N, C-alpha and C. Protein backbone atom coordinates (compact mmCIF):
# COMPACT_ATOMS: atom_id res chain seq x y z
N MET A 1 16.65 12.78 2.66
CA MET A 1 15.18 12.30 2.65
C MET A 1 15.22 10.81 2.57
N LYS A 2 14.35 10.15 3.36
CA LYS A 2 14.12 8.57 3.29
C LYS A 2 12.88 8.18 3.33
N ALA A 3 12.61 7.22 2.37
CA ALA A 3 11.19 6.70 2.13
C ALA A 3 11.12 5.20 2.51
N LEU A 4 10.28 4.79 3.46
CA LEU A 4 10.13 3.52 3.75
C LEU A 4 9.17 2.93 2.95
N ILE A 5 9.44 1.70 1.87
CA ILE A 5 8.77 1.05 0.97
C ILE A 5 8.30 -0.30 1.54
N THR A 6 7.25 -0.83 1.50
CA THR A 6 7.01 -2.11 2.20
C THR A 6 6.10 -2.90 1.24
N GLY A 7 6.28 -4.34 1.12
CA GLY A 7 5.35 -5.17 0.48
C GLY A 7 5.10 -6.47 1.55
N PHE A 8 4.24 -7.16 0.95
CA PHE A 8 3.80 -8.26 1.83
C PHE A 8 4.44 -9.66 1.28
N ASN A 9 4.59 -10.66 2.18
CA ASN A 9 4.92 -11.67 1.85
C ASN A 9 3.65 -12.60 1.00
N PRO A 10 3.82 -13.58 0.43
CA PRO A 10 2.74 -14.25 -0.36
C PRO A 10 1.58 -14.84 0.84
N PHE A 11 0.38 -14.96 0.44
CA PHE A 11 -0.71 -15.40 1.29
C PHE A 11 -1.71 -16.20 0.36
N GLY A 12 -2.50 -16.92 1.22
CA GLY A 12 -3.59 -17.59 0.38
C GLY A 12 -2.85 -18.69 -0.38
N SER A 13 -3.39 -19.04 -1.53
CA SER A 13 -2.87 -20.17 -2.51
C SER A 13 -1.70 -19.34 -3.28
N ASP A 14 -1.31 -18.27 -3.10
CA ASP A 14 -0.36 -17.64 -3.98
C ASP A 14 1.27 -18.17 -3.43
N THR A 15 2.07 -18.13 -4.13
CA THR A 15 3.47 -18.64 -3.79
C THR A 15 4.43 -17.33 -4.01
N ILE A 16 3.83 -16.26 -4.69
CA ILE A 16 4.42 -14.80 -4.97
C ILE A 16 3.64 -14.08 -4.55
N ASN A 17 4.09 -12.72 -4.21
CA ASN A 17 3.39 -11.57 -3.93
C ASN A 17 3.89 -10.54 -4.81
N PRO A 18 3.07 -9.91 -5.60
CA PRO A 18 3.86 -8.82 -6.44
C PRO A 18 4.35 -7.65 -5.51
N SER A 19 3.52 -7.36 -4.62
CA SER A 19 3.93 -6.15 -3.62
C SER A 19 5.49 -6.21 -3.36
N TYR A 20 5.82 -7.37 -2.68
CA TYR A 20 7.37 -7.44 -2.43
C TYR A 20 8.34 -7.49 -3.59
N GLU A 21 7.66 -8.36 -4.68
CA GLU A 21 8.74 -8.18 -5.82
C GLU A 21 8.98 -6.74 -6.41
N ILE A 22 7.81 -5.86 -6.35
CA ILE A 22 8.29 -4.58 -6.69
C ILE A 22 9.18 -3.82 -5.90
N VAL A 23 9.12 -4.04 -4.49
CA VAL A 23 9.97 -3.41 -3.50
C VAL A 23 11.53 -3.76 -3.83
N LYS A 24 11.59 -5.18 -4.18
CA LYS A 24 12.86 -5.74 -4.28
C LYS A 24 13.67 -4.88 -5.54
N LYS A 25 12.82 -4.60 -6.55
CA LYS A 25 13.40 -3.98 -7.94
C LYS A 25 13.63 -2.66 -7.76
N LEU A 26 13.16 -1.97 -6.76
CA LEU A 26 13.15 -0.41 -6.62
C LEU A 26 14.77 -0.01 -6.59
N PRO A 27 15.17 0.99 -7.15
CA PRO A 27 16.54 1.58 -6.99
C PRO A 27 16.89 2.00 -5.58
N GLU A 28 18.04 2.15 -5.09
CA GLU A 28 18.27 2.29 -3.74
C GLU A 28 18.06 3.88 -3.24
N THR A 29 18.04 4.86 -4.44
CA THR A 29 17.71 6.18 -4.19
C THR A 29 17.14 6.79 -5.47
N ILE A 30 15.98 7.51 -5.14
CA ILE A 30 15.00 8.10 -6.23
C ILE A 30 14.97 9.63 -6.06
N GLU A 31 15.79 10.34 -6.82
CA GLU A 31 15.84 11.91 -6.72
C GLU A 31 16.46 12.24 -5.51
N GLY A 32 17.41 11.62 -4.97
CA GLY A 32 18.31 11.78 -3.87
C GLY A 32 17.50 11.15 -2.54
N CYS A 33 16.40 10.74 -2.66
CA CYS A 33 15.66 10.06 -1.54
C CYS A 33 16.33 8.70 -1.46
N HIS A 34 16.69 8.16 -0.09
CA HIS A 34 17.16 6.92 0.11
C HIS A 34 15.70 6.00 0.21
N ILE A 35 15.95 4.87 -0.30
CA ILE A 35 14.83 4.01 -0.36
C ILE A 35 15.14 2.72 0.81
N ILE A 36 14.26 2.71 1.62
CA ILE A 36 14.37 1.61 2.67
C ILE A 36 13.21 0.58 2.13
N LYS A 37 13.81 -0.63 2.11
CA LYS A 37 12.88 -1.60 1.36
C LYS A 37 12.68 -2.59 2.43
N LYS A 38 11.46 -3.08 2.74
CA LYS A 38 11.04 -4.13 3.67
C LYS A 38 9.98 -4.98 3.43
N GLU A 39 10.02 -6.30 3.84
CA GLU A 39 8.91 -7.17 3.73
C GLU A 39 8.11 -7.13 5.05
N ILE A 40 6.77 -7.14 4.82
CA ILE A 40 5.99 -7.31 6.08
C ILE A 40 5.23 -8.63 6.02
N PRO A 41 5.02 -9.26 7.27
CA PRO A 41 4.07 -10.66 7.20
C PRO A 41 2.56 -10.33 7.08
N THR A 42 1.98 -11.16 6.07
CA THR A 42 0.66 -10.88 5.89
C THR A 42 -0.21 -11.56 7.05
N VAL A 43 -0.06 -10.89 8.31
CA VAL A 43 -0.55 -11.40 9.86
C VAL A 43 -1.01 -10.13 10.39
N PHE A 44 -2.49 -10.53 10.81
CA PHE A 44 -2.92 -9.38 11.52
C PHE A 44 -2.21 -9.03 12.89
N ASN A 45 -2.09 -7.79 13.52
CA ASN A 45 -1.51 -7.24 14.50
C ASN A 45 0.07 -7.54 14.41
N GLU A 46 0.71 -8.55 13.90
CA GLU A 46 1.98 -8.61 13.78
C GLU A 46 2.44 -7.61 12.81
N SER A 47 1.90 -7.60 11.56
CA SER A 47 2.23 -6.72 10.61
C SER A 47 2.42 -5.16 11.05
N ILE A 48 1.50 -4.74 11.78
CA ILE A 48 1.44 -3.29 12.39
C ILE A 48 2.80 -3.19 13.44
N LYS A 49 2.94 -4.19 14.28
CA LYS A 49 3.98 -4.14 15.06
C LYS A 49 5.30 -4.08 14.28
N GLU A 50 5.48 -4.81 13.40
CA GLU A 50 6.83 -4.75 12.76
C GLU A 50 6.98 -3.35 11.86
N LEU A 51 5.90 -2.94 11.19
CA LEU A 51 5.94 -1.67 10.64
C LEU A 51 6.52 -0.49 11.61
N VAL A 52 5.79 -0.49 12.60
CA VAL A 52 6.07 0.62 13.78
C VAL A 52 7.53 0.56 14.14
N THR A 53 7.90 -0.65 14.36
CA THR A 53 9.32 -0.83 14.78
C THR A 53 10.22 -0.41 13.73
N ILE A 54 9.92 -0.66 12.66
CA ILE A 54 10.76 -0.20 11.42
C ILE A 54 10.85 1.42 11.35
N ILE A 55 9.62 2.04 11.46
CA ILE A 55 9.55 3.40 11.39
C ILE A 55 10.27 4.06 12.59
N GLU A 56 10.16 3.20 13.69
CA GLU A 56 11.08 3.87 15.08
C GLU A 56 12.56 3.83 14.51
N ALA A 57 13.00 2.71 13.99
CA ALA A 57 14.46 2.55 13.89
C ALA A 57 14.90 3.33 12.76
N GLU A 58 14.20 3.57 11.39
CA GLU A 58 14.63 4.31 10.47
C GLU A 58 14.18 5.68 10.29
N GLU A 59 13.22 5.97 11.05
CA GLU A 59 12.88 7.55 11.16
C GLU A 59 12.67 8.11 9.59
N PRO A 60 11.70 7.42 8.84
CA PRO A 60 11.68 7.75 7.29
C PRO A 60 10.95 9.20 7.28
N ASP A 61 10.87 9.83 6.11
CA ASP A 61 9.91 10.95 6.04
C ASP A 61 8.52 10.77 5.52
N PHE A 62 8.39 9.53 4.78
CA PHE A 62 7.22 9.23 4.55
C PHE A 62 7.34 7.51 4.10
N VAL A 63 6.13 6.86 4.25
CA VAL A 63 6.02 5.53 4.23
C VAL A 63 4.86 5.06 3.24
N ILE A 64 5.16 4.22 2.24
CA ILE A 64 4.31 3.76 1.19
C ILE A 64 4.24 2.25 1.59
N CYS A 65 3.11 1.80 1.80
CA CYS A 65 2.81 0.39 1.97
C CYS A 65 2.09 -0.11 0.71
N ILE A 66 2.65 -1.54 0.25
CA ILE A 66 2.04 -1.86 -1.00
C ILE A 66 1.44 -3.24 -0.79
N GLY A 67 0.40 -3.63 -1.41
CA GLY A 67 -0.25 -4.79 -1.34
C GLY A 67 -1.05 -5.31 -2.67
N GLN A 68 -1.24 -6.45 -2.52
CA GLN A 68 -1.81 -7.20 -3.50
C GLN A 68 -3.48 -7.01 -3.91
N ALA A 69 -3.88 -6.75 -4.87
CA ALA A 69 -5.50 -6.87 -5.14
C ALA A 69 -5.70 -7.62 -6.29
N GLY A 70 -5.77 -8.71 -6.19
CA GLY A 70 -6.07 -9.76 -7.40
C GLY A 70 -7.23 -9.42 -8.14
N GLY A 71 -7.27 -9.42 -9.36
CA GLY A 71 -8.39 -9.08 -10.17
C GLY A 71 -8.59 -7.58 -10.45
N GLU A 72 -7.71 -6.68 -10.01
CA GLU A 72 -7.87 -5.56 -10.24
C GLU A 72 -6.98 -5.10 -11.87
N PHE A 73 -7.44 -4.20 -12.68
CA PHE A 73 -6.78 -3.76 -13.91
C PHE A 73 -5.72 -2.63 -13.70
N ALA A 74 -5.90 -2.14 -12.42
CA ALA A 74 -5.09 -0.86 -12.32
C ALA A 74 -4.35 -0.70 -10.99
N MET A 75 -3.22 0.12 -11.27
CA MET A 75 -2.75 0.56 -9.67
C MET A 75 -3.97 1.35 -8.92
N ARG A 76 -4.15 0.86 -7.69
CA ARG A 76 -5.12 1.51 -7.04
C ARG A 76 -4.56 2.07 -5.61
N VAL A 77 -4.50 3.57 -5.92
CA VAL A 77 -3.85 4.57 -4.80
C VAL A 77 -5.15 4.85 -3.72
N GLU A 78 -4.85 4.20 -2.52
CA GLU A 78 -5.89 4.25 -1.50
C GLU A 78 -5.97 5.51 -0.83
N ARG A 79 -7.06 5.96 -0.46
CA ARG A 79 -7.08 7.09 0.07
C ARG A 79 -7.70 7.17 1.64
N VAL A 80 -8.30 5.93 1.81
CA VAL A 80 -9.04 5.65 3.25
C VAL A 80 -8.77 4.42 3.95
N ALA A 81 -8.21 4.48 5.21
CA ALA A 81 -8.14 3.07 5.92
C ALA A 81 -9.33 3.15 6.96
N ILE A 82 -10.14 2.04 7.21
CA ILE A 82 -11.27 1.96 8.26
C ILE A 82 -10.58 1.23 9.35
N ASN A 83 -11.28 1.39 10.43
CA ASN A 83 -11.27 0.73 11.72
C ASN A 83 -11.89 -0.41 11.89
N LEU A 84 -11.54 -1.66 10.98
CA LEU A 84 -12.32 -2.83 10.94
C LEU A 84 -11.48 -3.87 10.47
N ASN A 85 -11.28 -5.09 11.14
CA ASN A 85 -10.82 -6.13 10.54
C ASN A 85 -11.97 -7.25 10.13
N GLU A 86 -12.16 -7.70 8.94
CA GLU A 86 -13.24 -8.58 8.53
C GLU A 86 -12.61 -9.63 7.45
N ALA A 87 -12.00 -10.70 7.70
CA ALA A 87 -11.28 -11.51 6.91
C ALA A 87 -12.06 -12.64 6.20
N ARG A 88 -11.87 -12.57 4.92
CA ARG A 88 -12.78 -13.59 4.09
C ARG A 88 -12.01 -14.89 4.34
N ILE A 89 -10.65 -14.66 4.34
CA ILE A 89 -9.83 -15.91 4.32
C ILE A 89 -8.78 -15.67 5.76
N ALA A 90 -8.18 -16.78 6.07
CA ALA A 90 -7.17 -16.63 7.12
C ALA A 90 -6.05 -15.96 6.70
N ASP A 91 -5.23 -15.29 7.81
CA ASP A 91 -3.82 -14.87 7.28
C ASP A 91 -3.20 -15.86 7.41
N ASN A 92 -1.88 -15.56 7.38
CA ASN A 92 -0.62 -16.69 7.31
C ASN A 92 -0.31 -17.19 8.65
N LYS A 93 -1.26 -16.58 9.70
CA LYS A 93 -0.97 -17.34 11.08
C LYS A 93 -2.47 -18.08 11.44
N GLY A 94 -3.33 -18.23 10.71
CA GLY A 94 -4.64 -18.78 10.73
C GLY A 94 -5.65 -17.84 11.17
N GLN A 95 -5.26 -16.60 11.30
CA GLN A 95 -6.33 -15.74 12.05
C GLN A 95 -7.30 -15.35 11.01
N GLN A 96 -8.60 -15.17 11.46
CA GLN A 96 -9.61 -14.83 10.63
C GLN A 96 -10.70 -14.11 11.31
N PRO A 97 -10.22 -12.63 11.72
CA PRO A 97 -11.20 -11.81 12.72
C PRO A 97 -12.53 -11.48 11.87
N GLN A 98 -13.58 -11.46 12.62
CA GLN A 98 -14.71 -10.83 12.24
C GLN A 98 -15.32 -9.66 13.06
N ASP A 99 -15.55 -8.59 12.30
CA ASP A 99 -16.32 -7.54 13.18
C ASP A 99 -15.46 -7.02 14.04
N GLU A 100 -14.15 -6.85 13.95
CA GLU A 100 -13.21 -6.60 14.83
C GLU A 100 -12.54 -5.11 14.92
N ILE A 101 -12.71 -4.40 15.79
CA ILE A 101 -12.03 -3.04 15.70
C ILE A 101 -10.69 -3.33 15.83
N ILE A 102 -9.96 -2.29 15.00
CA ILE A 102 -8.35 -2.34 14.91
C ILE A 102 -7.74 -1.71 16.37
N ASN A 103 -8.27 -0.33 16.40
CA ASN A 103 -7.81 0.22 17.60
C ASN A 103 -8.92 0.89 18.22
N GLU A 104 -9.23 0.54 19.71
CA GLU A 104 -10.32 1.19 20.31
C GLU A 104 -10.35 2.54 20.56
N ASP A 105 -9.24 3.30 20.66
CA ASP A 105 -9.07 4.64 20.70
C ASP A 105 -8.79 5.44 19.38
N GLY A 106 -8.96 4.57 18.60
CA GLY A 106 -8.59 5.38 17.12
C GLY A 106 -9.90 5.78 16.55
N LYS A 107 -9.61 6.53 15.45
CA LYS A 107 -10.66 7.07 14.55
C LYS A 107 -11.33 6.03 13.78
N MET A 108 -12.74 6.30 13.29
CA MET A 108 -13.29 5.22 12.46
C MET A 108 -12.49 5.15 11.24
N ALA A 109 -12.17 6.08 10.78
CA ALA A 109 -11.21 6.03 9.33
C ALA A 109 -10.19 7.17 9.45
N TYR A 110 -8.90 6.88 8.71
CA TYR A 110 -8.00 7.89 8.58
C TYR A 110 -7.74 8.10 7.16
N PHE A 111 -7.42 9.11 6.54
CA PHE A 111 -7.09 9.45 5.15
C PHE A 111 -5.65 9.35 5.08
N ALA A 112 -5.18 9.09 3.84
CA ALA A 112 -3.61 9.01 3.44
C ALA A 112 -3.21 10.29 3.61
N THR A 113 -1.81 10.59 4.00
CA THR A 113 -1.23 11.88 3.83
C THR A 113 -0.32 12.18 2.94
N ILE A 114 -0.03 11.04 2.03
CA ILE A 114 0.74 11.15 0.66
C ILE A 114 -0.02 11.74 -0.20
N PRO A 115 0.37 12.22 -1.32
CA PRO A 115 -0.57 13.27 -2.32
C PRO A 115 -1.10 12.14 -3.44
N THR A 116 -2.13 11.69 -2.78
CA THR A 116 -2.88 10.54 -3.68
C THR A 116 -3.39 10.91 -5.00
N LYS A 117 -3.91 12.16 -5.21
CA LYS A 117 -4.27 12.59 -6.50
C LYS A 117 -3.06 13.02 -7.40
N ALA A 118 -2.07 13.47 -7.00
CA ALA A 118 -0.94 13.74 -7.62
C ALA A 118 -0.25 12.50 -8.10
N ILE A 119 -0.31 11.48 -7.39
CA ILE A 119 0.32 10.11 -7.62
C ILE A 119 -0.39 9.60 -8.84
N VAL A 120 -2.04 9.32 -8.66
CA VAL A 120 -2.75 8.82 -9.69
C VAL A 120 -2.36 9.71 -10.99
N LYS A 121 -2.59 10.98 -11.02
CA LYS A 121 -2.17 11.87 -12.08
C LYS A 121 -0.88 11.50 -12.90
N GLU A 122 0.17 11.49 -12.03
CA GLU A 122 1.53 11.22 -12.61
C GLU A 122 1.55 9.74 -13.16
N MET A 123 0.94 8.84 -12.59
CA MET A 123 0.82 7.39 -13.16
C MET A 123 0.19 7.54 -14.23
N ILE A 124 -0.82 8.24 -14.59
CA ILE A 124 -1.73 8.16 -15.90
C ILE A 124 -0.95 8.79 -16.90
N ASP A 125 -0.18 9.74 -16.46
CA ASP A 125 0.51 10.76 -17.51
C ASP A 125 1.87 9.93 -17.87
N SER A 126 1.93 8.65 -17.14
CA SER A 126 3.23 7.97 -17.29
C SER A 126 2.82 6.60 -18.13
N ASN A 127 1.41 6.68 -18.74
CA ASN A 127 0.78 5.85 -19.57
C ASN A 127 0.75 4.30 -18.64
N ILE A 128 0.41 4.48 -17.32
CA ILE A 128 0.24 3.40 -16.35
C ILE A 128 -1.41 3.37 -16.16
N PRO A 129 -2.02 2.39 -15.99
CA PRO A 129 -3.59 2.38 -15.54
C PRO A 129 -3.63 2.74 -14.04
N ALA A 130 -4.28 3.60 -13.40
CA ALA A 130 -4.19 3.95 -12.17
C ALA A 130 -5.44 4.71 -11.59
N VAL A 131 -6.07 4.33 -10.59
CA VAL A 131 -7.35 4.79 -9.93
C VAL A 131 -6.91 5.30 -8.72
N LEU A 132 -7.79 6.25 -8.09
CA LEU A 132 -8.11 6.56 -6.79
C LEU A 132 -9.07 5.66 -6.06
N SER A 133 -8.83 4.99 -5.11
CA SER A 133 -9.83 4.05 -4.40
C SER A 133 -10.10 4.58 -3.06
N TYR A 134 -11.28 4.40 -2.68
CA TYR A 134 -11.92 4.55 -1.43
C TYR A 134 -12.21 3.42 -0.56
N THR A 135 -11.58 2.30 -0.75
CA THR A 135 -11.81 1.16 0.12
C THR A 135 -10.47 0.29 -0.20
N ALA A 136 -9.75 0.05 0.85
CA ALA A 136 -8.61 -0.78 1.01
C ALA A 136 -8.91 -2.25 1.33
N GLY A 137 -10.32 -2.56 1.44
CA GLY A 137 -10.67 -3.86 1.67
C GLY A 137 -10.82 -3.84 3.46
N THR A 138 -10.98 -5.00 3.90
CA THR A 138 -10.91 -5.47 5.36
C THR A 138 -9.87 -6.41 5.89
N PHE A 139 -9.24 -6.82 4.96
CA PHE A 139 -7.96 -7.92 5.15
C PHE A 139 -6.80 -7.04 5.68
N VAL A 140 -5.63 -7.91 5.67
CA VAL A 140 -4.34 -7.47 6.32
C VAL A 140 -3.89 -6.05 5.65
N CYS A 141 -4.13 -5.99 4.26
CA CYS A 141 -3.85 -4.70 3.67
C CYS A 141 -4.40 -3.47 4.48
N ASN A 142 -5.75 -3.58 4.56
CA ASN A 142 -6.41 -2.37 5.19
C ASN A 142 -5.84 -2.20 6.69
N HIS A 143 -5.87 -3.38 7.40
CA HIS A 143 -5.19 -3.34 8.65
C HIS A 143 -4.19 -2.60 8.80
N LEU A 144 -2.99 -3.03 7.82
CA LEU A 144 -1.78 -2.34 7.87
C LEU A 144 -1.80 -0.85 7.65
N PHE A 145 -2.70 -0.52 6.62
CA PHE A 145 -2.86 0.82 6.26
C PHE A 145 -3.44 1.64 7.34
N TYR A 146 -4.46 1.17 8.13
CA TYR A 146 -5.09 1.85 9.26
C TYR A 146 -3.95 1.96 10.28
N GLY A 147 -3.36 0.71 10.69
CA GLY A 147 -2.41 0.79 11.68
C GLY A 147 -1.12 1.80 11.44
N LEU A 148 -0.69 2.13 10.13
CA LEU A 148 0.15 3.08 9.83
C LEU A 148 -0.21 4.53 10.27
N MET A 149 -1.52 4.66 9.67
CA MET A 149 -1.88 5.84 9.86
C MET A 149 -2.42 6.29 11.28
N TYR A 150 -2.79 5.37 12.11
CA TYR A 150 -2.89 5.42 13.41
C TYR A 150 -1.67 5.90 14.16
N ALA A 151 -0.49 5.29 13.79
CA ALA A 151 0.75 5.17 14.47
C ALA A 151 1.07 6.63 14.08
N ILE A 152 1.00 7.13 12.88
CA ILE A 152 1.37 8.56 12.59
C ILE A 152 0.78 9.56 13.27
N SER A 153 -0.56 9.42 13.55
CA SER A 153 -1.33 10.42 14.35
C SER A 153 -0.84 10.57 15.66
N GLN A 154 -0.44 9.37 16.01
CA GLN A 154 -0.22 9.08 17.56
C GLN A 154 1.10 9.61 18.03
N ASN A 155 2.22 9.13 17.10
CA ASN A 155 3.36 9.25 17.25
C ASN A 155 4.49 9.79 16.42
N PHE A 156 4.01 9.75 15.10
CA PHE A 156 5.20 10.19 14.13
C PHE A 156 4.27 11.33 13.24
N PRO A 157 3.85 12.47 13.80
CA PRO A 157 3.30 13.42 13.36
C PRO A 157 3.91 13.87 11.77
N GLN A 158 5.43 14.00 11.98
CA GLN A 158 6.39 14.49 10.96
C GLN A 158 6.22 13.47 9.72
N VAL A 159 5.74 12.38 9.82
CA VAL A 159 5.75 11.14 8.78
C VAL A 159 4.64 11.40 7.93
N ARG A 160 4.74 11.26 6.40
CA ARG A 160 3.52 10.85 5.62
C ARG A 160 3.40 9.54 5.34
N GLY A 161 2.27 9.16 5.02
CA GLY A 161 1.76 7.67 4.87
C GLY A 161 0.73 7.44 3.92
N GLY A 162 0.89 6.23 3.31
CA GLY A 162 -0.43 5.81 2.51
C GLY A 162 -0.08 4.48 1.95
N PHE A 163 -1.07 4.04 1.08
CA PHE A 163 -1.02 2.67 0.79
C PHE A 163 -1.63 2.35 -0.59
N ILE A 164 -0.87 1.37 -1.65
CA ILE A 164 -1.23 1.31 -2.80
C ILE A 164 -1.30 -0.18 -3.20
N HIS A 165 -2.40 -0.44 -3.53
CA HIS A 165 -2.71 -1.79 -4.22
C HIS A 165 -2.37 -2.12 -5.57
N VAL A 166 -1.81 -3.44 -5.77
CA VAL A 166 -1.33 -3.54 -7.20
C VAL A 166 -2.16 -4.81 -7.83
N PRO A 167 -2.06 -5.15 -9.04
CA PRO A 167 -2.62 -6.31 -9.62
C PRO A 167 -1.86 -7.47 -9.37
N PHE A 168 -2.37 -8.54 -10.11
CA PHE A 168 -1.50 -9.83 -10.15
C PHE A 168 -0.38 -9.66 -11.34
N LEU A 169 0.51 -10.50 -11.03
CA LEU A 169 1.75 -10.67 -11.98
C LEU A 169 1.07 -11.79 -13.12
N PRO A 170 1.81 -11.45 -14.38
CA PRO A 170 1.31 -12.49 -15.54
C PRO A 170 1.38 -13.87 -15.01
N GLU A 171 2.42 -14.29 -14.14
CA GLU A 171 2.69 -15.79 -13.85
C GLU A 171 1.68 -16.24 -12.88
N GLN A 172 0.95 -15.34 -12.16
CA GLN A 172 -0.14 -15.49 -11.23
C GLN A 172 -1.49 -15.99 -11.98
N VAL A 173 -1.69 -15.84 -13.42
CA VAL A 173 -2.83 -15.84 -13.82
C VAL A 173 -2.91 -16.77 -15.15
N LEU A 174 -1.74 -17.68 -15.05
CA LEU A 174 -1.74 -18.51 -16.17
C LEU A 174 -2.95 -19.41 -16.15
N ALA A 175 -3.36 -19.82 -15.20
CA ALA A 175 -4.25 -20.84 -15.11
C ALA A 175 -5.75 -20.13 -14.70
N LYS A 176 -5.86 -18.89 -14.79
CA LYS A 176 -7.00 -18.11 -14.49
C LYS A 176 -7.54 -17.33 -15.79
N LYS A 177 -8.56 -18.05 -16.39
CA LYS A 177 -8.93 -17.15 -17.49
C LYS A 177 -9.54 -15.76 -17.19
N ASN A 178 -9.18 -14.98 -18.24
CA ASN A 178 -9.85 -13.56 -18.17
C ASN A 178 -9.48 -12.89 -16.86
N THR A 179 -8.50 -13.14 -16.28
CA THR A 179 -7.92 -12.37 -15.11
C THR A 179 -6.93 -11.33 -15.49
N PRO A 180 -7.07 -9.94 -14.93
CA PRO A 180 -6.28 -8.97 -15.23
C PRO A 180 -4.99 -9.12 -14.53
N PHE A 181 -3.89 -8.58 -15.21
CA PHE A 181 -2.65 -8.58 -14.62
C PHE A 181 -1.78 -7.38 -14.96
N MET A 182 -0.66 -7.26 -14.39
CA MET A 182 0.27 -6.00 -14.75
C MET A 182 1.70 -6.51 -14.78
N THR A 183 2.73 -6.32 -15.80
CA THR A 183 4.05 -6.84 -15.69
C THR A 183 4.69 -6.01 -14.50
N LEU A 184 5.68 -6.94 -13.91
CA LEU A 184 6.48 -6.33 -12.87
C LEU A 184 7.19 -5.02 -13.03
N ASP A 185 7.65 -4.93 -14.43
CA ASP A 185 8.30 -3.78 -14.74
C ASP A 185 7.52 -2.41 -14.88
N MET A 186 6.13 -2.59 -15.22
CA MET A 186 5.24 -1.58 -15.36
C MET A 186 4.76 -0.95 -13.95
N MET A 187 4.69 -2.04 -12.96
CA MET A 187 4.38 -1.87 -11.55
C MET A 187 5.30 -1.07 -10.79
N THR A 188 6.61 -1.54 -11.10
CA THR A 188 7.69 -0.93 -10.35
C THR A 188 7.98 0.43 -10.62
N LYS A 189 7.72 0.69 -12.16
CA LYS A 189 7.86 2.05 -12.53
C LYS A 189 6.63 2.85 -11.87
N ALA A 190 5.38 2.26 -11.70
CA ALA A 190 4.33 3.01 -11.04
C ALA A 190 4.89 3.51 -9.70
N ILE A 191 5.28 2.64 -8.84
CA ILE A 191 5.70 3.07 -7.80
C ILE A 191 6.70 3.94 -7.57
N GLU A 192 7.75 3.81 -8.27
CA GLU A 192 8.87 5.02 -8.44
C GLU A 192 8.14 6.27 -8.95
N VAL A 193 7.11 6.25 -9.71
CA VAL A 193 6.46 7.60 -9.95
C VAL A 193 5.59 8.03 -8.79
N ALA A 194 5.14 7.09 -7.99
CA ALA A 194 4.56 7.42 -6.60
C ALA A 194 5.33 8.07 -5.61
N ILE A 195 6.69 7.52 -5.62
CA ILE A 195 7.60 7.96 -4.76
C ILE A 195 8.04 9.40 -5.33
N LYS A 196 8.27 9.59 -6.63
CA LYS A 196 8.65 11.12 -7.07
C LYS A 196 7.59 11.98 -6.66
N ALA A 197 6.25 11.57 -6.94
CA ALA A 197 5.16 12.41 -6.73
C ALA A 197 5.16 12.94 -5.32
N THR A 198 5.41 11.99 -4.19
CA THR A 198 5.52 12.14 -2.73
C THR A 198 6.50 13.13 -2.72
N ILE A 199 7.61 13.13 -2.99
CA ILE A 199 8.82 13.85 -3.10
C ILE A 199 8.49 15.37 -3.35
N ASN A 200 7.78 15.23 -4.44
CA ASN A 200 7.80 16.63 -5.11
C ASN A 200 6.49 17.33 -5.01
N ASN A 201 5.55 16.72 -3.91
CA ASN A 201 4.28 17.37 -3.78
C ASN A 201 3.94 17.03 -2.24
N VAL A 202 4.14 18.22 -1.39
CA VAL A 202 4.08 18.39 0.07
C VAL A 202 2.67 18.25 0.18
N THR A 203 1.74 18.91 -0.38
CA THR A 203 0.22 19.10 -0.56
C THR A 203 -0.14 18.39 -1.79
N ASP A 204 -1.26 18.10 -1.67
CA ASP A 204 -1.85 17.41 -3.00
C ASP A 204 -2.40 18.25 -3.81
N ILE A 205 -2.77 17.83 -5.29
CA ILE A 205 -3.15 18.60 -6.15
C ILE A 205 -4.83 18.55 -6.48
N GLU A 206 -5.20 19.56 -7.17
CA GLU A 206 -6.65 19.18 -7.57
C GLU A 206 -6.72 18.38 -8.56
N PHE A 207 -7.62 17.36 -8.47
CA PHE A 207 -7.62 16.30 -9.86
C PHE A 207 -9.06 15.52 -9.47
N LYS A 208 -9.87 15.46 -10.52
CA LYS A 208 -11.20 14.99 -10.64
C LYS A 208 -10.87 13.17 -10.55
N GLY A 209 -10.96 12.61 -9.44
CA GLY A 209 -11.01 11.37 -9.16
C GLY A 209 -12.36 10.75 -8.66
N GLY A 210 -12.56 10.51 -7.53
CA GLY A 210 -13.91 9.85 -7.13
C GLY A 210 -14.34 8.41 -7.68
N SER A 211 -15.41 8.20 -7.23
CA SER A 211 -15.99 6.84 -7.61
C SER A 211 -17.59 6.72 -7.79
N LEU A 212 -17.85 6.18 -8.92
CA LEU A 212 -19.30 6.09 -9.33
C LEU A 212 -19.89 4.89 -8.46
N HIS A 213 -19.38 4.03 -7.54
CA HIS A 213 -19.78 3.03 -7.06
C HIS A 213 -19.91 3.12 -5.42
């Protein structure tokens, strides 16, 4: 079995991105599953093209993309990707799309096909703060998540896919008062838990998640 795990390069005013720092720390194998580690550019369109190229070359059994969600207290396991680019800031190539459809022939939304509820439960059982999330935003994270699920629906039906958002690292918030963070070791453990849960759960479990907002 092979798993493709991706993280982004730094963007905005940050000089580090926890998503790829996590990817680099992952072991080479987890429960016999070979871990393919890749960095993806924080750039609209280019990010999807690079991801699809990697999937074609590596033929993974599942893909988990990771992105930074500054200001969050917990690991956010995303369930839904929407067909919209709406950028509050520019990406790393200066692009800032507004009200833009990602794929004209795609669905308005796709659901993750990794076991999101099992992942959240296993993280919580491992004493790691985690929540089910029903919005991945409208920046490059959602863009890549949507592109992944669109590609799976069109060309890679045997592949499962999903996206997980992670908080800031401690060193990113030294000058930011009252800003939540999580240590790199804890976030890396959380992604290892997510990989194990995906290996061990072909279908998802029943688990009361949901959102009050």
